Amino acid sequence: MPEDQHWWFATRTWSLLNLLDQEMTRRDNAVLDIGCGAGNMIHHLSRYGRVQGIEVDARPVAIAQARGYDVRHGDATRGIPFPNASFDLVTALDVIEHVDDDAAILREAHRVLRPRGALAITTPAFQWLWSYNDVLNGHKHRYTPREVRERVERAGFRLRRLTFGFFLVFPMSAPLILLRNRTGAKKDLSSHLFDQDAYQVEMEPVSPWLNSVLRGVGRVEAAMVARVNLPIGTSLMCVAEKRES
């Protein structure tokens, strides 16, 4: 898929899969992707089993279904249309920052997971990194590690891994974000990388050579994530386990 070639998506995907590979030892799991959009991660998550999705926006749902994915239209904050204890893995990848009631999503994820099932979350880090890109993407909040930990534990999960993402590019990206905020510069994203109806994201296009370099950096970082929790970055990745009753 086109987004797989962009360095940001590739880095997130490689790191996430390295985290999940340590937790999901079986390949016959029932998987639910909350906020799945047009199903952009379903082909990756299918390495763990059969994947279903739920998405609040009807436009990407239609695209996902046309691709042959099992995706339902629905609002996870108002209830996920699946029975209790239906899934072994639930993902919410860059989702909770889009809603006012993130606790509702986590409660529903807990409800539909089987005991000892896994929850995976990715979300932007640090409110002080808030930028015009957050506005374009409809974000409500950026999170600290403490906020992520508190929310998942309050919902009934035991934290397994919590790491930053985009650690290696942080020394470059954080000052750039702060500089743009200080000067009031708004990067022209009118020529988006992806179709908004299909992908619901706004990512800055990069030149092919820079994209290749950053993908290489992403490969290195993903290998690091497989071994250690990274100490800083522009995003957070969390894997948690549903506690047994």
C-alpha atoms as a PDB file:
ATOM      1  CA  MET A   1       0.000   0.000   0.000  1.00  0.00           C
ATOM      2  CA  PRO A   2       1.246   3.573  -0.644  1.00  0.00           C
ATOM      3  CA  GLU A   3       1.571   4.511   3.018  1.00  0.00           C
ATOM      4  CA  ASP A   4       3.925   1.581   3.623  1.00  0.00           C
ATOM      5  CA  GLN A   5       6.554   3.425   1.593  1.00  0.00           C
ATOM      6  CA  HIS A   6       6.472   6.588   3.690  1.00  0.00           C
ATOM      7  CA  TRP A   7       9.206   6.577   6.318  1.00  0.00           C
ATOM      8  CA  TRP A   8       6.910   7.592   9.186  1.00  0.00           C
ATOM      9  CA  PHE A   9       4.389   4.810   8.611  1.00  0.00           C
ATOM     10  CA  ALA A  10       7.107   2.274   7.903  1.00  0.00           C
ATOM     11  CA  THR A  11       8.980   3.121  11.112  1.00  0.00           C
ATOM     12  CA  ARG A  12       5.831   2.866  13.212  1.00  0.00           C
ATOM     13  CA  THR A  13       4.835  -0.430  11.598  1.00  0.00           C
ATOM     14  CA  TRP A  14       8.243  -2.088  11.997  1.00  0.00           C
ATOM     15  CA  SER A  15       8.515  -1.016  15.645  1.00  0.00           C
ATOM     16  CA  LEU A  16       4.962  -2.059  16.475  1.00  0.00           C
ATOM     17  CA  LEU A  17       5.371  -5.493  14.912  1.00  0.00           C
ATOM     18  CA  ASN A  18       8.615  -6.017  16.808  1.00  0.00           C
ATOM     19  CA  LEU A  19       6.744  -5.279  20.030  1.00  0.00           C
ATOM     20  CA  LEU A  20       3.809  -7.517  19.183  1.00  0.00           C
ATOM     21  CA  ASP A  21       5.959 -10.411  17.981  1.00  0.00           C
ATOM     22  CA  GLN A  22       7.168 -10.756  21.570  1.00  0.00           C
ATOM     23  CA  GLU A  23       3.601 -11.025  22.895  1.00  0.00           C
ATOM     24  CA  MET A  24       1.676 -12.847  20.157  1.00  0.00           C
ATOM     25  CA  THR A  25       3.274 -16.271  19.904  1.00  0.00           C
ATOM     26  CA  ARG A  26       0.283 -17.805  18.082  1.00  0.00           C
ATOM     27  CA  ARG A  27      -0.811 -17.017  14.555  1.00  0.00           C
ATOM     28  CA  ASP A  28      -4.485 -18.017  14.875  1.00  0.00           C
ATOM     29  CA  ASN A  29      -5.686 -15.103  16.994  1.00  0.00           C
ATOM     30  CA  ALA A  30      -8.837 -13.025  16.633  1.00  0.00           C
ATOM     31  CA  VAL A  31      -7.691  -9.429  16.099  1.00  0.00           C
ATOM     32  CA  LEU A  32      -9.653  -6.164  16.222  1.00  0.00           C
ATOM     33  CA  ASP A  33      -8.241  -2.903  14.861  1.00  0.00           C
ATOM     34  CA  ILE A  34     -10.106   0.064  16.383  1.00  0.00           C
ATOM     35  CA  GLY A  35     -10.106   3.172  14.198  1.00  0.00           C
ATOM     36  CA  CYS A  36      -8.786   1.151  11.287  1.00  0.00           C
ATOM     37  CA  GLY A  37      -9.521   3.728   8.591  1.00  0.00           C
ATOM     38  CA  ALA A  38      -9.395   2.078   5.175  1.00  0.00           C
ATOM     39  CA  GLY A  39      -7.680  -0.959   6.652  1.00  0.00           C
ATOM     40  CA  ASN A  40      -4.157   0.355   6.194  1.00  0.00           C
ATOM     41  CA  MET A  41      -2.737  -1.864   8.965  1.00  0.00           C
ATOM     42  CA  ILE A  42      -4.893  -4.946   8.461  1.00  0.00           C
ATOM     43  CA  HIS A  43      -2.485  -6.653   6.088  1.00  0.00           C
ATOM     44  CA  HIS A  44       0.282  -6.230   8.670  1.00  0.00           C
ATOM     45  CA  LEU A  45      -1.809  -7.349  11.640  1.00  0.00           C
ATOM     46  CA  SER A  46      -2.988 -10.431   9.745  1.00  0.00           C
ATOM     47  CA  ARG A  47       0.320 -12.091  10.648  1.00  0.00           C
ATOM     48  CA  TYR A  48      -1.300 -12.682  14.051  1.00  0.00           C
ATOM     49  CA  GLY A  49      -4.617 -14.083  12.820  1.00  0.00           C
ATOM     50  CA  ARG A  50      -7.969 -13.007  11.390  1.00  0.00           C
ATOM     51  CA  VAL A  51      -8.405  -9.232  11.583  1.00  0.00           C
ATOM     52  CA  GLN A  52     -11.631  -7.274  11.848  1.00  0.00           C
ATOM     53  CA  GLY A  53     -11.914  -3.512  12.057  1.00  0.00           C
ATOM     54  CA  ILE A  54     -14.186  -0.744  13.281  1.00  0.00           C
ATOM     55  CA  GLU A  55     -14.079   2.834  11.978  1.00  0.00           C
ATOM     56  CA  VAL A  56     -16.183   5.881  12.839  1.00  0.00           C
ATOM     57  CA  ASP A  57     -15.898   7.543   9.397  1.00  0.00           C
ATOM     58  CA  ALA A  58     -18.043   5.915   6.714  1.00  0.00           C
ATOM     59  CA  ARG A  59     -15.806   7.055   3.842  1.00  0.00           C
ATOM     60  CA  PRO A  60     -12.751   4.879   4.576  1.00  0.00           C
ATOM     61  CA  VAL A  61     -15.048   2.043   5.685  1.00  0.00           C
ATOM     62  CA  ALA A  62     -16.363   1.811   2.136  1.00  0.00           C
ATOM     63  CA  ILE A  63     -12.814   1.676   0.796  1.00  0.00           C
ATOM     64  CA  ALA A  64     -11.788  -0.988   3.309  1.00  0.00           C
ATOM     65  CA  GLN A  65     -14.772  -3.127   2.403  1.00  0.00           C
ATOM     66  CA  ALA A  66     -14.007  -2.726  -1.298  1.00  0.00           C
ATOM     67  CA  ARG A  67     -10.526  -4.041  -0.526  1.00  0.00           C
ATOM     68  CA  GLY A  68     -12.130  -7.143   0.927  1.00  0.00           C
ATOM     69  CA  TYR A  69     -11.535  -6.342   4.596  1.00  0.00           C
ATOM     70  CA  ASP A  70     -14.038  -7.128   7.361  1.00  0.00           C
ATOM     71  CA  VAL A  71     -14.561  -3.572   8.611  1.00  0.00           C
ATOM     72  CA  ARG A  72     -17.679  -2.226  10.332  1.00  0.00           C
ATOM     73  CA  HIS A  73     -18.873   1.338  10.639  1.00  0.00           C
ATOM     74  CA  GLY A  74     -19.185   2.334  14.290  1.00  0.00           C
ATOM     75  CA  ASP A  75     -18.041   4.604  17.095  1.00  0.00           C
ATOM     76  CA  ALA A  76     -15.898   2.734  19.627  1.00  0.00           C
ATOM     77  CA  THR A  77     -16.591   5.373  22.285  1.00  0.00           C
ATOM     78  CA  ARG A  78     -20.286   4.415  22.104  1.00  0.00           C
ATOM     79  CA  GLY A  79     -19.685   0.671  22.117  1.00  0.00           C
ATOM     80  CA  ILE A  80     -17.907  -1.893  19.969  1.00  0.00           C
ATOM     81  CA  PRO A  81     -20.394  -4.176  18.146  1.00  0.00           C
ATOM     82  CA  PHE A  82     -18.833  -7.441  19.320  1.00  0.00           C
ATOM     83  CA  PRO A  83     -19.550  -9.689  22.329  1.00  0.00           C
ATOM     84  CA  ASN A  84     -17.485  -9.834  25.475  1.00  0.00           C
ATOM     85  CA  ALA A  85     -14.190 -11.741  25.294  1.00  0.00           C
ATOM     86  CA  SER A  86     -14.195 -12.010  21.484  1.00  0.00           C
ATOM     87  CA  PHE A  87     -10.574 -11.105  20.682  1.00  0.00           C
ATOM     88  CA  ASP A  88      -7.012 -12.046  21.554  1.00  0.00           C
ATOM     89  CA  LEU A  89      -5.509  -8.762  20.326  1.00  0.00           C
ATOM     90  CA  VAL A  90      -7.027  -5.279  20.085  1.00  0.00           C
ATOM     91  CA  THR A  91      -5.140  -2.375  18.515  1.00  0.00           C
ATOM     92  CA  ALA A  92      -5.849   1.368  18.624  1.00  0.00           C
ATOM     93  CA  LEU A  93      -3.143   2.881  16.453  1.00  0.00           C
ATOM     94  CA  ASP A  94      -3.052   6.668  16.615  1.00  0.00           C
ATOM     95  CA  VAL A  95      -6.692   6.690  17.688  1.00  0.00           C
ATOM     96  CA  ILE A  96      -7.153   7.790  21.305  1.00  0.00           C
ATOM     97  CA  GLU A  97      -5.775  11.272  20.619  1.00  0.00           C
ATOM     98  CA  HIS A  98      -8.745  11.913  18.301  1.00  0.00           C
ATOM     99  CA  VAL A  99     -11.485  11.551  20.936  1.00  0.00           C
ATOM    100  CA  ASP A 100     -12.578  13.399  24.054  1.00  0.00           C
ATOM    101  CA  ASP A 101     -13.392  10.169  25.920  1.00  0.00           C
ATOM    102  CA  ASP A 102     -10.312   7.986  25.503  1.00  0.00           C
ATOM    103  CA  ALA A 103     -11.361   5.999  28.601  1.00  0.00           C
ATOM    104  CA  ALA A 104     -14.457   4.751  26.749  1.00  0.00           C
ATOM    105  CA  ILE A 105     -12.307   3.198  24.007  1.00  0.00           C
ATOM    106  CA  LEU A 106     -10.066   1.514  26.559  1.00  0.00           C
ATOM    107  CA  ARG A 107     -13.058   0.166  28.507  1.00  0.00           C
ATOM    108  CA  GLU A 108     -14.533  -1.297  25.340  1.00  0.00           C
ATOM    109  CA  ALA A 109     -11.178  -2.778  24.332  1.00  0.00           C
ATOM    110  CA  HIS A 110     -11.007  -4.414  27.762  1.00  0.00           C
ATOM    111  CA  ARG A 111     -14.535  -5.776  27.431  1.00  0.00           C
ATOM    112  CA  VAL A 112     -14.029  -7.448  24.042  1.00  0.00           C
ATOM    113  CA  LEU A 113     -10.618  -8.913  24.933  1.00  0.00           C
ATOM    114  CA  ARG A 114     -10.256 -12.388  26.355  1.00  0.00           C
ATOM    115  CA  PRO A 115      -8.403 -12.739  29.682  1.00  0.00           C
ATOM    116  CA  ARG A 116      -4.671 -12.217  29.075  1.00  0.00           C
ATOM    117  CA  GLY A 117      -5.451 -10.762  25.666  1.00  0.00           C
ATOM    118  CA  ALA A 118      -3.199  -7.971  24.415  1.00  0.00           C
ATOM    119  CA  LEU A 119      -3.912  -4.303  23.772  1.00  0.00           C
ATOM    120  CA  ALA A 120      -1.586  -2.249  21.546  1.00  0.00           C
ATOM    121  CA  ILE A 121      -1.727   1.554  21.415  1.00  0.00           C
ATOM    122  CA  THR A 122       0.248   4.171  19.540  1.00  0.00           C
ATOM    123  CA  THR A 123      -0.303   7.877  20.151  1.00  0.00           C
ATOM    124  CA  PRO A 124       1.545  11.219  19.836  1.00  0.00           C
ATOM    125  CA  ALA A 125       3.789  12.226  22.721  1.00  0.00           C
ATOM    126  CA  PHE A 126       4.091  15.483  24.691  1.00  0.00           C
ATOM    127  CA  GLN A 127       1.601  18.314  24.587  1.00  0.00           C
ATOM    128  CA  TRP A 128       4.498  20.766  24.232  1.00  0.00           C
ATOM    129  CA  LEU A 129       5.069  19.295  20.756  1.00  0.00           C
ATOM    130  CA  TRP A 130       1.569  20.335  19.683  1.00  0.00           C
ATOM    131  CA  SER A 131       1.721  21.711  16.146  1.00  0.00           C
ATOM    132  CA  TYR A 132      -0.334  22.626  13.115  1.00  0.00           C
ATOM    133  CA  ASN A 133      -0.103  18.993  12.029  1.00  0.00           C
ATOM    134  CA  ASP A 134      -2.106  18.009  15.135  1.00  0.00           C
ATOM    135  CA  VAL A 135      -4.793  20.488  14.112  1.00  0.00           C
ATOM    136  CA  LEU A 136      -4.919  19.104  10.576  1.00  0.00           C
ATOM    137  CA  ASN A 137      -5.272  15.573  11.901  1.00  0.00           C
ATOM    138  CA  GLY A 138      -8.034  16.453  14.364  1.00  0.00           C
ATOM    139  CA  HIS A 139      -6.083  15.602  17.500  1.00  0.00           C
ATOM    140  CA  LYS A 140      -7.429  16.465  20.949  1.00  0.00           C
ATOM    141  CA  HIS A 141      -4.351  15.727  23.033  1.00  0.00           C
ATOM    142  CA  ARG A 142      -0.753  14.475  23.029  1.00  0.00           C
ATOM    143  CA  TYR A 143       0.218  12.106  25.839  1.00  0.00           C
ATOM    144  CA  THR A 144       2.970  11.614  28.381  1.00  0.00           C
ATOM    145  CA  PRO A 145       4.086   8.104  29.387  1.00  0.00           C
ATOM    146  CA  ARG A 146       2.468   8.610  32.791  1.00  0.00           C
ATOM    147  CA  GLU A 147      -0.880   9.468  31.174  1.00  0.00           C
ATOM    148  CA  VAL A 148      -0.791   6.377  28.974  1.00  0.00           C
ATOM    149  CA  ARG A 149       0.162   4.145  31.890  1.00  0.00           C
ATOM    150  CA  GLU A 150      -2.558   5.556  34.146  1.00  0.00           C
ATOM    151  CA  ARG A 151      -5.248   5.200  31.496  1.00  0.00           C
ATOM    152  CA  VAL A 152      -4.502   1.612  30.540  1.00  0.00           C
ATOM    153  CA  GLU A 153      -4.129   0.489  34.157  1.00  0.00           C
ATOM    154  CA  ARG A 154      -7.359   2.240  35.152  1.00  0.00           C
ATOM    155  CA  ALA A 155      -9.139   0.337  32.357  1.00  0.00           C
ATOM    156  CA  GLY A 156      -8.024  -3.000  33.834  1.00  0.00           C
ATOM    157  CA  PHE A 157      -4.799  -3.746  31.959  1.00  0.00           C
ATOM    158  CA  ARG A 158      -1.321  -4.722  33.114  1.00  0.00           C
ATOM    159  CA  LEU A 159       1.368  -2.804  31.262  1.00  0.00           C
ATOM    160  CA  ARG A 160       3.839  -5.009  29.364  1.00  0.00           C
ATOM    161  CA  ARG A 161       5.804  -2.490  27.287  1.00  0.00           C
ATOM    162  CA  LEU A 162       5.771   1.297  27.055  1.00  0.00           C
ATOM    163  CA  THR A 163       8.309   2.940  24.785  1.00  0.00           C
ATOM    164  CA  PHE A 164       8.756   6.103  22.817  1.00  0.00           C
ATOM    165  CA  GLY A 165       8.854   6.026  19.051  1.00  0.00           C
ATOM    166  CA  PHE A 166      10.837   8.169  16.601  1.00  0.00           C
ATOM    167  CA  PHE A 167      13.683   8.397  19.088  1.00  0.00           C
ATOM    168  CA  LEU A 168      16.493   8.618  16.542  1.00  0.00           C
ATOM    169  CA  VAL A 169      14.898  11.506  14.628  1.00  0.00           C
ATOM    170  CA  PHE A 170      13.824  13.334  17.810  1.00  0.00           C
ATOM    171  CA  PRO A 171      16.903  15.632  17.965  1.00  0.00           C
ATOM    172  CA  MET A 172      15.967  16.882  14.505  1.00  0.00           C
ATOM    173  CA  SER A 173      12.161  16.785  14.587  1.00  0.00           C
ATOM    174  CA  ALA A 174      11.470  18.333  18.012  1.00  0.00           C
ATOM    175  CA  PRO A 175      13.466  21.560  17.407  1.00  0.00           C
ATOM    176  CA  LEU A 176      11.891  21.852  13.947  1.00  0.00           C
ATOM    177  CA  ILE A 177       8.384  21.604  15.420  1.00  0.00           C
ATOM    178  CA  LEU A 178       9.173  24.173  18.104  1.00  0.00           C
ATOM    179  CA  LEU A 179      10.728  26.534  15.563  1.00  0.00           C
ATOM    180  CA  ARG A 180       7.660  26.365  13.346  1.00  0.00           C
ATOM    181  CA  ASN A 181       5.426  27.013  16.334  1.00  0.00           C
ATOM    182  CA  ARG A 182       7.540  29.975  17.429  1.00  0.00           C
ATOM    183  CA  THR A 183       7.569  31.594  13.986  1.00  0.00           C
ATOM    184  CA  GLY A 184       3.928  30.768  13.275  1.00  0.00           C
ATOM    185  CA  ALA A 185       4.939  28.892  10.135  1.00  0.00           C
ATOM    186  CA  LYS A 186       2.367  26.471   8.783  1.00  0.00           C
ATOM    187  CA  LYS A 187       3.876  23.909   6.476  1.00  0.00           C
ATOM    188  CA  ASP A 188       1.915  23.739   3.243  1.00  0.00           C
ATOM    189  CA  LEU A 189       0.327  20.313   3.293  1.00  0.00           C
ATOM    190  CA  SER A 190      -2.189  21.077   0.586  1.00  0.00           C
ATOM    191  CA  SER A 191      -0.599  18.434  -1.628  1.00  0.00           C
ATOM    192  CA  HIS A 192      -1.098  15.573   0.846  1.00  0.00           C
ATOM    193  CA  LEU A 193       0.661  12.303   0.461  1.00  0.00           C
ATOM    194  CA  PHE A 194      -2.599  10.389   0.722  1.00  0.00           C
ATOM    195  CA  ASP A 195      -6.259  10.760  -0.186  1.00  0.00           C
ATOM    196  CA  GLN A 196      -7.951  12.236   2.890  1.00  0.00           C
ATOM    197  CA  ASP A 197     -11.132  10.218   2.401  1.00  0.00           C
ATOM    198  CA  ALA A 198      -9.147   7.007   2.292  1.00  0.00           C
ATOM    199  CA  TYR A 199      -6.460   7.515   4.888  1.00  0.00           C
ATOM    200  CA  GLN A 200      -7.543  10.331   7.197  1.00  0.00           C
ATOM    201  CA  VAL A 201      -3.980  11.480   7.739  1.00  0.00           C
ATOM    202  CA  GLU A 202      -1.894  14.474   6.819  1.00  0.00           C
ATOM    203  CA  MET A 203       1.749  13.542   6.333  1.00  0.00           C
ATOM    204  CA  GLU A 204       4.390  15.821   4.923  1.00  0.00           C
ATOM    205  CA  PRO A 205       5.729  14.578   1.601  1.00  0.00           C
ATOM    206  CA  VAL A 206       9.492  14.072   1.557  1.00  0.00           C
ATOM    207  CA  SER A 207      11.947  13.704  -1.281  1.00  0.00           C
ATOM    208  CA  PRO A 208      12.756  10.127  -2.350  1.00  0.00           C
ATOM    209  CA  TRP A 209      16.363  10.313  -1.140  1.00  0.00           C
ATOM    210  CA  LEU A 210      15.378  11.654   2.289  1.00  0.00           C
ATOM    211  CA  ASN A 211      12.607   9.099   2.548  1.00  0.00           C
ATOM    212  CA  SER A 212      15.128   6.320   1.872  1.00  0.00           C
ATOM    213  CA  VAL A 213      17.504   7.665   4.519  1.00  0.00           C
ATOM    214  CA  LEU A 214      14.740   7.957   7.120  1.00  0.00           C
ATOM    215  CA  ARG A 215      13.462   4.462   6.324  1.00  0.00           C
ATOM    216  CA  GLY A 216      16.960   3.179   7.052  1.00  0.00           C
ATOM    217  CA  VAL A 217      16.936   5.046  10.364  1.00  0.00           C
ATOM    218  CA  GLY A 218      13.532   3.525  11.056  1.00  0.00           C
ATOM    219  CA  ARG A 219      14.879   0.007  10.519  1.00  0.00           C
ATOM    220  CA  VAL A 220      17.583   0.643  13.090  1.00  0.00           C
ATOM    221  CA  GLU A 221      15.099   2.074  15.588  1.00  0.00           C
ATOM    222  CA  ALA A 222      12.695  -0.852  15.161  1.00  0.00           C
ATOM    223  CA  ALA A 223      15.526  -3.238  15.983  1.00  0.00           C
ATOM    224  CA  MET A 224      16.218  -1.205  19.124  1.00  0.00           C
ATOM    225  CA  VAL A 225      12.554  -1.283  20.158  1.00  0.00           C
ATOM    226  CA  ALA A 226      12.648  -5.071  20.014  1.00  0.00           C
ATOM    227  CA  ARG A 227      15.197  -4.999  22.843  1.00  0.00           C
ATOM    228  CA  VAL A 228      14.727  -1.859  24.962  1.00  0.00           C
ATOM    229  CA  ASN A 229      12.250   0.884  25.780  1.00  0.00           C
ATOM    230  CA  LEU A 230      13.411   4.084  24.122  1.00  0.00           C
ATOM    231  CA  PRO A 231      13.785   7.097  26.454  1.00  0.00           C
ATOM    232  CA  ILE A 232      12.346   9.919  24.328  1.00  0.00           C
ATOM    233  CA  GLY A 233      10.538  10.487  21.057  1.00  0.00           C
ATOM    234  CA  THR A 234       7.594  12.146  19.343  1.00  0.00           C
ATOM    235  CA  SER A 235       5.210   9.219  19.846  1.00  0.00           C
ATOM    236  CA  LEU A 236       4.410   6.498  22.368  1.00  0.00           C
ATOM    237  CA  MET A 237       3.820   2.790  21.865  1.00  0.00           C
ATOM    238  CA  CYS A 238       2.218   0.630  24.506  1.00  0.00           C
ATOM    239  CA  VAL A 239       1.431  -3.080  24.800  1.00  0.00           C
ATOM    240  CA  ALA A 240      -0.698  -4.157  27.761  1.00  0.00           C
ATOM    241  CA  GLU A 241      -2.359  -7.360  28.917  1.00  0.00           C
ATOM    242  CA  LYS A 242      -5.921  -7.796  30.161  1.00  0.00           C
ATOM    243  CA  ARG A 243      -5.734  -8.893  33.769  1.00  0.00           C
ATOM    244  CA  GLU A 244      -7.504 -12.113  34.614  1.00  0.00           C
ATOM    245  CA  SER A 245     -10.554 -11.704  36.824  1.00  0.00           C
END
